[in-house]
C-alpha atoms as a PDB file:
ATOM      1  CA  MET A   1       0.000   0.000   0.000  1.00  0.00           C
ATOM      2  CA  VAL A   2       2.755   2.432   0.942  1.00  0.00           C
ATOM      3  CA  ASP A   3       4.584   1.647  -2.299  1.00  0.00           C
ATOM      4  CA  LEU A   4       1.435   2.348  -4.306  1.00  0.00           C
ATOM      5  CA  LEU A   5       0.947   5.694  -2.543  1.00  0.00           C
ATOM      6  CA  ARG A   6       4.528   6.684  -3.279  1.00  0.00           C
ATOM      7  CA  ARG A   7       4.286   5.688  -6.929  1.00  0.00           C
ATOM      8  CA  ALA A   8       1.107   7.749  -7.304  1.00  0.00           C
ATOM      9  CA  TRP A   9       2.774  10.708  -5.596  1.00  0.00           C
ATOM     10  CA  ASP A  10       5.852  10.346  -7.848  1.00  0.00           C
ATOM     11  CA  ALA A  11       3.646  10.233 -10.955  1.00  0.00           C
ATOM     12  CA  LEU A  12       1.835  13.400  -9.931  1.00  0.00           C
ATOM     13  CA  ASP A  13       5.093  15.114  -9.043  1.00  0.00           C
ATOM     14  CA  SER A  14       6.508  14.227 -12.469  1.00  0.00           C
ATOM     15  CA  PHE A  15       3.403  15.644 -14.137  1.00  0.00           C
ATOM     16  CA  LYS A  16       3.653  18.809 -12.038  1.00  0.00           C
ATOM     17  CA  GLN A  17       7.274  19.324 -13.074  1.00  0.00           C
ATOM     18  CA  ALA A  18       6.682  18.530 -16.749  1.00  0.00           C
ATOM     19  CA  TYR A  19       3.477  20.550 -17.156  1.00  0.00           C
ATOM     20  CA  PRO A  20       3.389  23.268 -14.498  1.00  0.00           C
ATOM     21  CA  GLU A  21       0.995  25.314 -16.617  1.00  0.00           C
ATOM     22  CA  ASN A  22      -1.608  22.514 -16.311  1.00  0.00           C
ATOM     23  CA  TRP A  23      -1.228  22.091 -12.540  1.00  0.00           C
ATOM     24  CA  ASN A  24      -4.238  23.243 -10.519  1.00  0.00           C
ATOM     25  CA  GLU A  25      -5.535  23.378  -6.940  1.00  0.00           C
ATOM     26  CA  ASP A  26      -7.375  20.048  -7.235  1.00  0.00           C
ATOM     27  CA  ASP A  27      -4.169  18.346  -8.365  1.00  0.00           C
ATOM     28  CA  GLN A  28      -2.332  19.862  -5.399  1.00  0.00           C
ATOM     29  CA  ARG A  29      -5.031  18.657  -2.957  1.00  0.00           C
ATOM     30  CA  VAL A  30      -4.684  15.099  -4.287  1.00  0.00           C
ATOM     31  CA  MET A  31      -0.912  15.292  -3.949  1.00  0.00           C
ATOM     32  CA  ASP A  32      -1.220  16.649  -0.393  1.00  0.00           C
ATOM     33  CA  ASP A  33      -3.657  13.852   0.513  1.00  0.00           C
ATOM     34  CA  LEU A  34      -1.255  11.229  -0.842  1.00  0.00           C
ATOM     35  CA  LEU A  35       1.561  12.702   1.226  1.00  0.00           C
ATOM     36  CA  LYS A  36      -0.637  12.724   4.342  1.00  0.00           C
ATOM     37  CA  ALA A  37      -1.644   9.092   3.773  1.00  0.00           C
ATOM     38  CA  ASP A  38       2.020   8.140   3.409  1.00  0.00           C
ATOM     39  CA  LEU A  39       2.878   9.933   6.655  1.00  0.00           C
ATOM     40  CA  ASP A  40      -0.029   8.190   8.405  1.00  0.00           C
ATOM     41  CA  LEU A  41       1.492   4.867   7.345  1.00  0.00           C
ATOM     42  CA  SER A  42       5.033   5.893   8.256  1.00  0.00           C
ATOM     43  CA  GLY A  43       4.990   3.532  11.232  1.00  0.00           C
ATOM     44  CA  VAL A  44       4.852   0.630   8.795  1.00  0.00           C
ATOM     45  CA  ARG A  45       8.208  -1.123   8.649  1.00  0.00           C
ATOM     46  CA  ARG A  46       9.766  -0.689   5.234  1.00  0.00           C
ATOM     47  CA  ARG A  47      12.091  -3.028   3.383  1.00  0.00           C
ATOM     48  CA  TRP A  48      15.671  -1.762   3.101  1.00  0.00           C
ATOM     49  CA  VAL A  49      16.623  -0.713  -0.416  1.00  0.00           C
ATOM     50  CA  GLY A  50      20.315  -0.084  -0.959  1.00  0.00           C
ATOM     51  CA  LEU A  51      22.229   1.603  -3.727  1.00  0.00           C
ATOM     52  CA  THR A  52      22.320  -0.115  -7.100  1.00  0.00           C
ATOM     53  CA  ASP A  53      25.296  -0.357  -9.412  1.00  0.00           C
ATOM     54  CA  GLU A  54      23.479   2.141 -11.615  1.00  0.00           C
ATOM     55  CA  ASP A  55      23.272   4.586  -8.690  1.00  0.00           C
ATOM     56  CA  LEU A  56      27.020   4.288  -8.262  1.00  0.00           C
ATOM     57  CA  THR A  57      27.721   5.241 -11.883  1.00  0.00           C
ATOM     58  CA  LEU A  58      27.307   8.818 -10.673  1.00  0.00           C
ATOM     59  CA  CYS A  59      30.491   8.435  -8.614  1.00  0.00           C
ATOM     60  CA  GLU A  60      33.564   9.871 -10.255  1.00  0.00           C
ATOM     61  CA  SER A  61      36.160   7.661  -8.549  1.00  0.00           C
ATOM     62  CA  GLU A  62      36.601   4.461  -6.538  1.00  0.00           C
ATOM     63  CA  GLU A  63      37.028   6.655  -3.470  1.00  0.00           C
ATOM     64  CA  ASP A  64      33.569   8.131  -4.128  1.00  0.00           C
ATOM     65  CA  VAL A  65      32.139   4.604  -4.424  1.00  0.00           C
ATOM     66  CA  ARG A  66      33.705   3.578  -1.099  1.00  0.00           C
ATOM     67  CA  PHE A  67      32.354   6.746   0.532  1.00  0.00           C
ATOM     68  CA  ALA A  68      28.855   6.110  -0.872  1.00  0.00           C
ATOM     69  CA  ARG A  69      28.951   2.496   0.371  1.00  0.00           C
ATOM     70  CA  ALA A  70      30.077   3.654   3.835  1.00  0.00           C
ATOM     71  CA  ILE A  71      27.167   6.088   4.024  1.00  0.00           C
ATOM     72  CA  GLU A  72      24.815   3.376   2.771  1.00  0.00           C
ATOM     73  CA  ALA A  73      26.042   0.967   5.472  1.00  0.00           C
ATOM     74  CA  LYS A  74      25.495   3.542   8.224  1.00  0.00           C
ATOM     75  CA  LEU A  75      21.996   4.362   6.963  1.00  0.00           C
ATOM     76  CA  LYS A  76      21.140   0.644   6.797  1.00  0.00           C
ATOM     77  CA  GLU A  77      22.364   0.228  10.361  1.00  0.00           C
ATOM     78  CA  LYS A  78      20.127   3.076  11.524  1.00  0.00           C
ATOM     79  CA  ASN A  79      17.062   2.038   9.509  1.00  0.00           C
ATOM     80  CA  THR A  80      16.833  -1.722   9.925  1.00  0.00           C
END
């Protein structure tokens, strides 16, 4: 359920960014309601999702990759 709410929110956010001239108050209310529903479910335990190899392509050096992995490990420790 939480994943579905987030995907809907992401879809609306993408639309808002791509077509700001078509964005209206009703659209914003729906987006706000989705965010509220997600926050209401925030107590639900979420599955850990780490960095992918594709995410790491943004790193410019092996040192950057090691740094990103160290941050990822600390976040996993705090969130699981």
